[in-house]
Protein backbone atom coordinates (compact mmCIF):
# COMPACT_ATOMS: atom_id res chain seq x y z
CA MET A 1 0.00 0.00 0.00
CA ALA A 2 1.40 3.37 -0.91
CA GLY A 3 -0.20 6.72 -0.40
CA LEU A 4 0.73 10.13 -1.63
CA LEU A 5 0.12 12.96 0.73
CA VAL A 6 0.40 16.47 -0.55
CA GLY A 7 0.62 19.17 2.04
CA CYS A 8 0.30 22.85 1.94
CA SER A 9 0.61 25.26 4.78
CA ASP A 10 -1.28 28.40 3.90
CA GLY A 11 1.14 29.15 1.06
CA GLU A 12 4.20 29.18 3.34
CA ARG A 13 7.31 27.64 1.91
CA GLY A 14 9.48 25.72 4.34
CA ALA A 15 6.72 24.06 6.35
CA VAL A 16 6.36 20.35 7.01
CA PRO A 17 3.74 18.80 4.70
CA ALA A 18 0.44 17.79 6.29
CA LEU A 19 0.12 14.15 7.33
CA PRO A 20 -3.00 12.05 7.83
CA LYS A 21 -4.23 11.42 11.35
CA ARG A 22 -2.53 7.97 11.44
CA ILE A 23 0.45 6.70 9.41
CA CYS A 24 2.43 3.49 8.88
CA TRP A 25 -0.25 0.80 9.24
CA ASN A 26 -2.06 3.24 11.58
CA ALA A 27 0.68 2.61 14.14
CA PHE A 28 1.64 6.26 14.68
CA ALA A 29 -0.29 9.47 15.15
CA GLY A 30 0.75 11.74 12.28
CA SER A 31 0.79 14.71 14.66
CA ASP A 32 3.36 12.91 16.86
CA VAL A 33 5.72 12.36 13.90
CA LEU A 34 5.42 15.92 12.49
CA PRO A 35 7.83 17.61 14.98
CA ILE A 36 10.77 15.52 13.74
CA LEU A 37 10.17 15.85 9.99
CA PRO A 38 11.99 18.21 7.66
CA ALA A 39 10.23 20.95 5.73
CA GLY A 40 9.10 20.19 2.21
CA ASP A 41 6.26 20.24 -0.26
CA GLU A 42 5.15 16.59 -0.47
CA ALA A 43 4.95 13.71 1.95
CA ALA A 44 4.57 10.13 0.75
CA VAL A 45 4.13 7.02 2.88
CA HIS A 46 5.07 3.59 1.51
CA HIS A 47 4.39 0.26 3.21
CA GLY A 48 2.99 -3.18 2.60
CA PRO A 49 0.64 -5.07 4.91
CA PHE A 50 1.73 -5.54 8.52
CA VAL A 51 2.15 -9.32 8.42
CA LEU A 52 4.79 -11.21 10.41
CA ALA A 53 4.06 -14.93 10.07
CA ASP A 54 7.41 -16.68 9.63
CA ASP A 55 10.83 -16.38 11.25
CA LEU A 56 12.73 -13.36 9.91
CA ASP A 57 9.65 -11.86 8.23
CA SER A 58 10.08 -8.10 8.13
CA VAL A 59 7.86 -5.16 7.21
CA THR A 60 8.93 -1.59 6.55
CA CYS A 61 7.18 1.75 6.39
CA THR A 62 8.98 4.69 4.84
CA LEU A 63 7.78 8.28 5.08
CA GLU A 64 9.45 10.48 2.48
CA ILE A 65 9.50 14.24 2.30
CA ASP A 66 10.09 15.47 -1.25
CA GLY A 67 11.38 12.02 -2.18
CA ALA A 68 13.94 11.76 0.64
CA PRO A 69 13.40 9.11 3.36
CA SER A 70 12.71 11.03 6.57
CA PHE A 71 11.16 8.46 8.91
CA LEU A 72 11.48 4.69 8.79
CA ALA A 73 9.72 2.04 10.90
CA ILE A 74 10.67 -1.64 10.66
CA ALA A 75 9.24 -4.68 12.42
CA THR A 76 10.92 -8.09 12.25
CA LEU A 77 9.83 -11.44 13.64
CA GLN A 78 12.72 -13.30 15.26
CA GLY A 79 12.39 -16.95 16.26
CA PHE A 80 14.92 -16.70 19.08
CA GLU A 81 15.55 -13.85 21.54
CA GLY A 82 19.32 -14.20 21.08
CA ARG A 83 19.00 -13.15 17.43
CA ILE A 84 17.97 -9.64 18.39
CA ASP A 85 21.21 -7.80 17.81
CA TRP A 86 21.58 -4.07 18.11
CA THR A 87 25.39 -4.01 18.33
CA SER A 88 25.51 -1.91 15.16
CA MET A 89 24.14 0.96 17.29
CA ASP A 90 26.85 0.61 19.98
CA LYS A 91 28.97 3.36 18.39
CA ALA A 92 26.02 5.75 18.80
CA ASN A 93 26.09 5.26 22.60
CA PRO A 94 22.47 4.07 22.97
CA GLN A 95 20.59 4.82 26.16
CA PRO A 96 17.98 2.49 27.67
CA ILE A 97 14.31 3.47 27.43
CA ASN A 98 11.42 1.86 29.26
CA VAL A 99 9.65 0.42 26.21
CA GLY A 100 8.89 -3.26 25.51
CA LYS A 101 11.06 -5.89 27.16
CA LYS A 102 14.11 -3.85 26.25
CA GLY A 103 14.35 -0.53 24.48
CA ILE A 104 17.16 1.76 23.42
CA LEU A 105 17.48 5.28 22.08
CA TRP A 106 20.39 6.78 20.17
CA ASP A 107 21.08 10.00 18.25
CA ILE A 108 18.80 9.25 15.25
CA GLY A 109 16.67 6.30 16.24
CA ALA A 110 15.13 3.90 18.70
CA ALA A 111 14.62 0.15 18.98
CA ALA A 112 12.61 -2.11 21.24
CA TYR A 113 11.44 -5.67 21.31
CA PHE A 114 8.79 -7.71 23.05
CA ILE A 115 7.99 -11.36 23.44
CA CYS A 116 4.88 -12.49 21.61
CA GLU A 117 5.45 -16.18 22.29
CA PRO A 118 8.49 -17.39 24.26
CA SER A 119 10.67 -20.26 23.07
CA LYS A 120 9.80 -23.54 24.74
CA GLY A 121 13.40 -24.73 24.55
CA PRO A 122 16.79 -24.04 22.93
CA ASN A 123 15.69 -25.60 19.61
CA SER A 124 12.08 -24.46 19.70
CA PRO A 125 11.48 -21.04 18.16
CA GLY A 126 9.19 -18.49 19.73
CA LYS A 127 7.99 -15.13 18.47
CA TYR A 128 10.10 -12.12 19.40
CA ILE A 129 9.09 -8.87 17.72
CA ASP A 130 12.02 -6.53 17.00
CA LEU A 131 10.99 -2.94 16.27
CA PHE A 132 13.20 -0.19 14.87
CA ILE A 133 12.64 3.50 14.12
CA ASP A 134 15.11 5.62 12.13
CA ALA A 135 14.52 9.36 12.20
CA GLY A 136 17.81 10.36 10.56
CA GLY A 137 15.96 12.85 8.38
CA ALA A 138 15.03 15.00 11.38
CA PRO A 139 16.34 18.55 10.93
CA ASP A 140 16.55 19.13 14.69
CA LYS A 141 18.14 16.05 16.30
CA ALA A 142 17.73 17.67 19.74
CA LYS A 143 13.97 16.92 19.55
CA LEU A 144 14.47 13.18 19.05
CA PRO A 145 15.09 12.15 22.70
CA SER A 146 11.74 13.62 23.69
CA VAL A 147 9.78 12.33 20.66
CA LEU A 148 11.16 8.86 19.86
CA PRO A 149 10.32 7.05 23.14
CA ALA A 150 6.63 7.97 22.74
CA LEU A 151 6.67 6.87 19.10
CA MET A 152 8.27 3.56 20.09
CA LYS A 153 5.56 3.05 22.74
CA GLN A 154 2.94 3.58 20.03
CA PHE A 155 4.78 1.09 17.78
CA VAL A 156 4.98 -1.58 20.51
CA ALA A 157 1.29 -1.15 21.46
CA PHE A 158 0.25 -1.31 17.80
CA ALA A 159 2.33 -4.43 17.07
CA GLN A 160 1.01 -6.18 20.18
CA ARG A 161 -2.59 -5.48 19.13
CA LYS A 162 -2.04 -6.35 15.47
CA LEU A 163 -0.17 -9.59 16.23
CA LYS A 164 -2.48 -10.45 19.14
CA CYS A 165 0.34 -10.50 21.70
CA GLY A 166 -0.71 -9.62 25.22
CA ALA A 167 0.93 -6.69 26.96
CA SER A 168 2.09 -9.17 29.61
CA SER A 169 4.20 -10.91 26.94
CA GLY A 170 7.52 -9.30 27.80
CA ASN A 171 6.40 -5.76 28.31
């Protein structure tokens, strides 16, 4: 599913394009994402269905401003908790956030995961949902620490509802 959103702001140039009330599978409030988006003329949201059925299935939502990726949300189904690996963010000095079973925040993004169905043994896969937000297109990176944790909470709550995982499942 792809949607084109054209925004105008009373003729002002340099404003952030208007967004619909909900974006990215209806996971996020558009108004909550607006403060971290760059100015531009057109916003476009691209994503397929939010379906995570098999190990390593992944879905992505990209919000572009004037053709440049400005906000990215990714969900991946992992069969084993040990596969969730955020070491690539270590150089960015991530800070813990109280989201999901474990959450982290760094200069341009956030990640969290929750347990949908725990493994029943070392060779028995479960369902661990790994969520990632990249807001590298934000013009004011100083806003990200106050905005991203709330967006990640919305993402976790949405994924739990959509995948029918109880909030008690590792949250």
